[in-house]
């Protein structure tokens, strides 16, 4: 079996794929970082909504004197440590309706390191339970 010599045109293109890949690597990395940050924002919205649901559920079952404490404890209970540190949970009652608002900071790339200067809010409401 006889080997054919590479054509002059192929010799000129040698290494082109490597150069193109190296040129695209920053674009690929930036795209992955942006997608990861969007995932963190979405996850923070999910956590805030779930924490508000848990908080209002506990708040409706508690007596008015201990409602804020029960609400806050339930709202923070299931949050991951990276989000729990700066979280705020507020409950209020008006006209037999209990509302809970949870504010969470959105982490920058790695939860637990730095946060964006804005907060994500989760709100929930339920009718006050009567004995």
Protein backbone atom coordinates (compact mmCIF):
# COMPACT_ATOMS: atom_id res chain seq x y z
CA UNK A 1 0.00 0.00 0.00
CA UNK A 2 1.40 3.30 -1.03
CA UNK A 3 1.11 6.49 1.11
CA UNK A 4 0.15 9.67 -0.64
CA UNK A 5 1.99 12.85 0.13
CA UNK A 6 -0.01 15.67 1.67
CA UNK A 7 -1.02 18.32 -0.79
CA UNK A 8 0.48 21.82 -0.44
CA UNK A 9 -2.98 23.23 0.36
CA UNK A 10 -3.35 20.87 3.34
CA UNK A 11 0.06 21.84 4.66
CA UNK A 12 -0.98 25.49 4.76
CA UNK A 13 -4.14 24.65 6.75
CA UNK A 14 -2.31 22.62 9.35
CA UNK A 15 -3.15 23.90 12.85
CA UNK A 16 -6.14 25.93 11.71
CA UNK A 17 -8.58 24.00 13.89
CA UNK A 18 -6.40 24.64 16.94
CA UNK A 19 -6.23 28.37 16.26
CA UNK A 20 -10.00 28.58 15.69
CA UNK A 21 -10.69 26.67 18.91
CA UNK A 22 -8.38 28.94 20.89
CA UNK A 23 -10.13 31.96 19.42
CA UNK A 24 -13.57 30.63 20.41
CA UNK A 25 -12.60 29.53 23.93
CA UNK A 26 -13.22 32.94 25.58
CA UNK A 27 -16.64 33.17 23.92
CA UNK A 28 -17.53 29.68 25.12
CA UNK A 29 -16.37 30.45 28.67
CA UNK A 30 -18.27 33.75 28.85
CA UNK A 31 -21.41 32.02 27.61
CA UNK A 32 -21.09 29.32 30.27
CA UNK A 33 -20.54 31.92 33.02
CA UNK A 34 -23.61 33.91 31.93
CA UNK A 35 -25.74 30.76 31.82
CA UNK A 36 -24.54 29.72 35.29
CA UNK A 37 -25.39 33.17 36.67
CA UNK A 38 -28.87 32.96 35.17
CA UNK A 39 -29.32 29.57 36.84
CA UNK A 40 -28.36 31.13 40.19
CA UNK A 41 -30.87 33.96 39.71
CA UNK A 42 -33.63 31.49 38.88
CA UNK A 43 -32.71 29.27 41.82
CA UNK A 44 -32.80 32.29 44.14
CA UNK A 45 -36.33 33.13 42.93
CA UNK A 46 -37.36 29.53 43.59
CA UNK A 47 -35.84 29.57 47.08
CA UNK A 48 -37.52 32.89 47.94
CA UNK A 49 -40.94 31.66 46.83
CA UNK A 50 -40.63 28.39 48.70
CA UNK A 51 -39.38 30.13 51.86
CA UNK A 52 -42.33 32.54 51.72
CA UNK A 53 -44.76 29.61 51.36
CA UNK A 54 -43.20 27.84 54.35
CA UNK A 55 -43.21 31.03 56.41
CA UNK A 56 -46.86 31.89 55.76
CA UNK A 57 -47.90 28.30 56.44
CA UNK A 58 -46.24 28.44 59.86
CA UNK A 59 -47.53 31.96 60.47
CA UNK A 60 -51.17 31.05 59.91
CA UNK A 61 -50.97 28.20 62.43
CA UNK A 62 -49.25 30.29 65.13
CA UNK A 63 -51.01 32.54 67.61
CA UNK A 64 -50.68 36.26 66.89
CA UNK A 65 -48.20 36.81 69.73
CA UNK A 66 -45.62 34.40 68.35
CA UNK A 67 -46.51 34.66 64.68
CA UNK A 68 -43.44 36.65 63.54
CA UNK A 69 -41.03 34.27 65.29
CA UNK A 70 -42.69 31.15 63.91
CA UNK A 71 -42.91 32.72 60.49
CA UNK A 72 -39.24 33.74 60.47
CA UNK A 73 -38.03 30.38 61.74
CA UNK A 74 -40.00 28.45 59.11
CA UNK A 75 -38.91 30.82 56.34
CA UNK A 76 -35.22 30.36 57.11
CA UNK A 77 -35.40 26.66 57.97
CA UNK A 78 -34.93 25.13 54.53
CA UNK A 79 -32.69 27.77 52.95
CA UNK A 80 -29.14 26.72 52.05
CA UNK A 81 -26.45 28.36 54.20
CA UNK A 82 -25.22 30.60 51.38
CA UNK A 83 -28.65 32.26 51.08
CA UNK A 84 -29.71 32.14 54.73
CA UNK A 85 -27.11 34.60 56.05
CA UNK A 86 -28.55 37.77 54.51
CA UNK A 87 -32.16 36.60 54.21
CA UNK A 88 -34.99 38.59 55.77
CA UNK A 89 -38.43 37.22 56.55
CA UNK A 90 -41.33 39.51 57.47
CA UNK A 91 -44.88 38.46 58.27
CA UNK A 92 -47.90 40.64 58.74
CA UNK A 93 -51.59 40.14 59.40
CA UNK A 94 -54.39 42.33 58.14
CA UNK A 95 -58.07 41.49 58.05
CA UNK A 96 -57.56 37.81 58.82
CA UNK A 97 -55.02 37.42 56.02
CA UNK A 98 -51.39 36.54 56.81
CA UNK A 99 -48.69 37.54 54.35
CA UNK A 100 -45.01 36.67 54.31
CA UNK A 101 -42.24 38.37 52.37
CA UNK A 102 -38.79 36.84 52.01
CA UNK A 103 -35.86 38.80 50.59
CA UNK A 104 -32.79 36.92 49.38
CA UNK A 105 -29.59 38.23 47.84
CA UNK A 106 -28.47 36.80 44.50
CA UNK A 107 -24.94 35.38 44.68
CA UNK A 108 -22.30 36.26 42.11
CA UNK A 109 -21.12 33.00 40.48
CA UNK A 110 -20.36 31.14 43.73
CA UNK A 111 -22.96 31.05 46.52
CA UNK A 112 -21.53 32.22 49.80
CA UNK A 113 -18.89 34.60 48.41
CA UNK A 114 -20.27 37.87 47.02
CA UNK A 115 -23.80 39.04 46.27
CA UNK A 116 -25.36 41.39 43.76
CA UNK A 117 -26.60 44.67 45.29
CA UNK A 118 -30.25 43.78 44.63
CA UNK A 119 -32.55 41.34 46.40
CA UNK A 120 -35.08 38.86 45.11
CA UNK A 121 -38.47 38.90 46.85
CA UNK A 122 -40.78 36.00 47.45
CA UNK A 123 -44.31 36.67 48.67
CA UNK A 124 -47.05 34.40 49.91
CA UNK A 125 -50.37 34.82 51.68
CA UNK A 126 -52.96 32.67 53.40
CA UNK A 127 -56.08 33.08 55.45
CA UNK A 128 -55.48 33.12 59.20
CA UNK A 129 -56.51 29.90 60.94
CA UNK A 130 -59.13 30.30 63.63
CA UNK A 131 -59.56 27.86 66.52
